[in-house]
């Protein structure tokens, strides 16, 4: 969806167990995109929280995580699922992925890119233990948890309800579920 500067979107984790991979591209130049690497550096932390700004690959403030009703640490460490990951897990070709969902979504807006940036994985539970080990755990989010993202630049925002059904990132039962969103008027 396109959000003009100052507009916001409310994303609802309807069932409480769904991870949502999230991207934002600057409308003025889609080669400027929400960068988790740059955001970690600018914030000085691994996980964004309510009130944090998410930065672009050019270190511009792109999106504000204005509101967050969850008690989650949102992941900014792992790449989105893609056809190669599902092949690694032994899945047959054609398994849906956030990678392909992103490309399809931006193509619908006339944008193409050879690079899929790493997303912010809202509600994805990736504990870091022993200062180095990452594990994939079921989300600790609850039904109805929501967040509000406010555009700080005109942006194309993409959500992908992650179709991962191999690991427990979308719940202990490994079942992807729909989420809902609404654009908030100024």
Protein backbone atom coordinates (compact mmCIF):
# COMPACT_ATOMS: atom_id res chain seq x y z
CA UNK A 1 0.00 0.00 0.00
CA UNK A 2 1.09 3.56 -0.60
CA UNK A 3 1.36 5.78 2.46
CA UNK A 4 2.01 9.47 2.11
CA UNK A 5 4.19 11.19 4.68
CA UNK A 6 2.20 11.42 7.91
CA UNK A 7 -0.25 8.64 7.05
CA UNK A 8 -0.30 5.49 9.15
CA UNK A 9 -1.38 1.87 8.96
CA UNK A 10 -2.59 -0.29 11.84
CA UNK A 11 -1.54 -3.95 11.52
CA UNK A 12 -3.48 -6.48 13.62
CA UNK A 13 -2.22 -9.95 14.53
CA UNK A 14 -5.76 -11.28 14.41
CA UNK A 15 -5.06 -14.79 15.73
CA UNK A 16 -1.98 -13.85 17.73
CA UNK A 17 0.48 -16.27 16.22
CA UNK A 18 1.26 -14.86 12.80
CA UNK A 19 4.60 -13.36 11.79
CA UNK A 20 4.36 -10.50 9.30
CA UNK A 21 7.40 -9.69 7.17
CA UNK A 22 7.36 -5.95 6.52
CA UNK A 23 9.14 -3.73 4.01
CA UNK A 24 8.95 -0.06 3.05
CA UNK A 25 10.32 1.57 -0.10
CA UNK A 26 10.61 5.32 -0.61
CA UNK A 27 8.14 6.32 -3.33
CA UNK A 28 10.50 8.99 -4.69
CA UNK A 29 13.21 6.38 -5.32
CA UNK A 30 12.46 2.69 -4.63
CA UNK A 31 16.19 1.95 -4.38
CA UNK A 32 15.86 3.61 -0.96
CA UNK A 33 14.28 1.05 1.32
CA UNK A 34 13.77 0.18 4.98
CA UNK A 35 17.07 -1.34 6.04
CA UNK A 36 17.24 -3.47 9.16
CA UNK A 37 21.03 -3.24 9.08
CA UNK A 38 20.98 0.55 9.11
CA UNK A 39 18.14 0.64 11.64
CA UNK A 40 20.09 -1.57 14.07
CA UNK A 41 23.08 0.75 13.72
CA UNK A 42 21.06 3.95 14.11
CA UNK A 43 19.08 2.62 17.12
CA UNK A 44 21.99 0.78 18.70
CA UNK A 45 19.83 -2.27 19.39
CA UNK A 46 18.69 -5.54 17.83
CA UNK A 47 14.93 -5.30 18.29
CA UNK A 48 12.69 -2.27 17.58
CA UNK A 49 10.13 -1.09 20.11
CA UNK A 50 7.23 1.33 20.24
CA UNK A 51 8.50 4.84 19.53
CA UNK A 52 11.47 3.69 17.43
CA UNK A 53 12.22 5.06 13.99
CA UNK A 54 13.00 2.58 11.23
CA UNK A 55 15.67 3.91 8.88
CA UNK A 56 16.40 3.53 5.18
CA UNK A 57 19.59 2.28 3.57
CA UNK A 58 20.46 5.99 3.21
CA UNK A 59 19.94 6.54 6.96
CA UNK A 60 16.80 8.60 6.41
CA UNK A 61 13.94 8.21 8.87
CA UNK A 62 11.43 6.20 6.81
CA UNK A 63 8.81 4.74 9.18
CA UNK A 64 7.93 5.24 12.84
CA UNK A 65 6.80 2.27 14.96
CA UNK A 66 4.33 4.57 16.66
CA UNK A 67 2.30 2.06 18.67
CA UNK A 68 2.77 -1.58 19.69
CA UNK A 69 0.37 -3.42 22.00
CA UNK A 70 2.43 -6.63 22.08
CA UNK A 71 5.12 -7.74 24.48
CA UNK A 72 7.22 -9.06 21.59
CA UNK A 73 10.72 -8.44 20.42
CA UNK A 74 10.31 -8.01 16.67
CA UNK A 75 13.03 -9.69 14.62
CA UNK A 76 15.49 -7.67 12.54
CA UNK A 77 18.09 -10.45 12.22
CA UNK A 78 16.76 -13.03 9.77
CA UNK A 79 16.11 -12.83 6.05
CA UNK A 80 12.65 -13.58 4.73
CA UNK A 81 11.69 -17.08 3.68
CA UNK A 82 12.39 -17.78 0.02
CA UNK A 83 12.28 -20.65 -2.49
CA UNK A 84 15.84 -21.66 -1.60
CA UNK A 85 15.02 -21.98 2.10
CA UNK A 86 12.05 -24.22 1.34
CA UNK A 87 14.25 -26.31 -0.96
CA UNK A 88 16.73 -26.59 1.96
CA UNK A 89 13.86 -27.89 4.11
CA UNK A 90 12.96 -30.45 1.43
CA UNK A 91 9.71 -28.85 0.28
CA UNK A 92 8.56 -29.35 -3.31
CA UNK A 93 8.85 -26.38 -5.68
CA UNK A 94 6.05 -23.84 -5.53
CA UNK A 95 5.82 -23.31 -1.76
CA UNK A 96 4.74 -19.68 -1.15
CA UNK A 97 7.38 -17.43 0.35
CA UNK A 98 7.67 -13.89 1.68
CA UNK A 99 10.37 -13.27 -0.93
CA UNK A 100 7.93 -13.96 -3.76
CA UNK A 101 5.08 -12.15 -1.97
CA UNK A 102 7.26 -9.02 -1.77
CA UNK A 103 8.17 -9.15 -5.47
CA UNK A 104 4.53 -9.71 -6.47
CA UNK A 105 3.32 -6.84 -4.26
CA UNK A 106 5.77 -4.26 -5.59
CA UNK A 107 5.18 -5.38 -9.19
CA UNK A 108 1.48 -4.56 -8.69
CA UNK A 109 2.65 -0.97 -8.04
CA UNK A 110 4.90 -0.88 -11.10
CA UNK A 111 8.13 -1.36 -9.13
CA UNK A 112 10.78 -3.96 -9.89
CA UNK A 113 14.01 -4.70 -8.08
CA UNK A 114 16.80 -7.26 -8.40
CA UNK A 115 17.28 -7.12 -4.60
CA UNK A 116 14.84 -8.16 -1.87
CA UNK A 117 15.86 -6.36 1.33
CA UNK A 118 15.74 -8.10 4.68
CA UNK A 119 12.39 -7.28 6.32
CA UNK A 120 11.36 -6.41 9.82
CA UNK A 121 9.67 -9.61 10.96
CA UNK A 122 6.94 -8.33 13.25
CA UNK A 123 5.95 -10.75 16.01
CA UNK A 124 8.71 -13.22 15.05
CA UNK A 125 10.29 -14.70 18.17
CA UNK A 126 14.03 -15.16 17.58
CA UNK A 127 15.76 -15.33 20.96
CA UNK A 128 19.48 -14.65 21.04
CA UNK A 129 21.19 -16.85 23.63
CA UNK A 130 24.78 -17.05 24.80
CA UNK A 131 25.43 -13.80 22.88
CA UNK A 132 25.49 -15.69 19.60
CA UNK A 133 22.90 -18.42 19.12
CA UNK A 134 19.61 -17.71 17.30
CA UNK A 135 16.63 -20.01 17.76
CA UNK A 136 13.20 -20.00 16.12
CA UNK A 137 10.43 -20.11 18.71
CA UNK A 138 6.63 -19.74 18.54
CA UNK A 139 5.45 -16.13 18.81
CA UNK A 140 4.55 -14.74 22.23
CA UNK A 141 2.03 -12.38 20.65
CA UNK A 142 -1.64 -12.53 21.60
CA UNK A 143 -4.79 -12.43 19.46
CA UNK A 144 -5.55 -8.81 18.62
CA UNK A 145 -2.04 -7.48 19.24
CA UNK A 146 -1.55 -4.53 16.94
CA UNK A 147 0.99 -1.99 15.88
CA UNK A 148 0.83 1.33 14.08
CA UNK A 149 3.40 2.32 11.49
CA UNK A 150 3.54 5.98 10.45
CA UNK A 151 5.23 6.99 7.19
CA UNK A 152 7.92 9.62 7.69
CA UNK A 153 8.49 9.76 3.91
CA UNK A 154 6.08 8.87 1.11
CA UNK A 155 6.42 5.09 1.05
CA UNK A 156 5.26 1.84 -0.46
CA UNK A 157 4.66 -0.50 2.50
CA UNK A 158 4.49 -4.25 1.95
CA UNK A 159 3.18 -6.83 4.43
CA UNK A 160 3.53 -10.58 3.98
CA UNK A 161 1.76 -12.89 6.41
CA UNK A 162 4.61 -15.38 6.46
CA UNK A 163 3.63 -18.73 4.91
CA UNK A 164 6.28 -20.63 6.95
CA UNK A 165 4.83 -23.99 7.96
CA UNK A 166 8.07 -25.90 8.62
CA UNK A 167 9.41 -24.12 11.72
CA UNK A 168 7.30 -22.81 14.65
CA UNK A 169 7.66 -19.11 13.75
CA UNK A 170 3.93 -18.92 12.97
CA UNK A 171 2.92 -20.81 16.10
CA UNK A 172 3.57 -24.17 17.69
CA UNK A 173 1.10 -25.80 15.27
CA UNK A 174 3.07 -24.33 12.29
CA UNK A 175 -0.10 -22.97 10.70
CA UNK A 176 0.04 -19.60 8.90
CA UNK A 177 -3.01 -17.44 9.52
CA UNK A 178 -4.39 -14.22 8.08
CA UNK A 179 -3.80 -10.81 9.61
CA UNK A 180 -5.65 -7.57 9.05
CA UNK A 181 -4.69 -3.96 8.51
CA UNK A 182 -6.36 -0.62 8.11
CA UNK A 183 -5.00 2.65 6.80
CA UNK A 184 -5.56 5.39 9.36
CA UNK A 185 -6.69 8.74 8.09
CA UNK A 186 -4.89 11.93 9.07
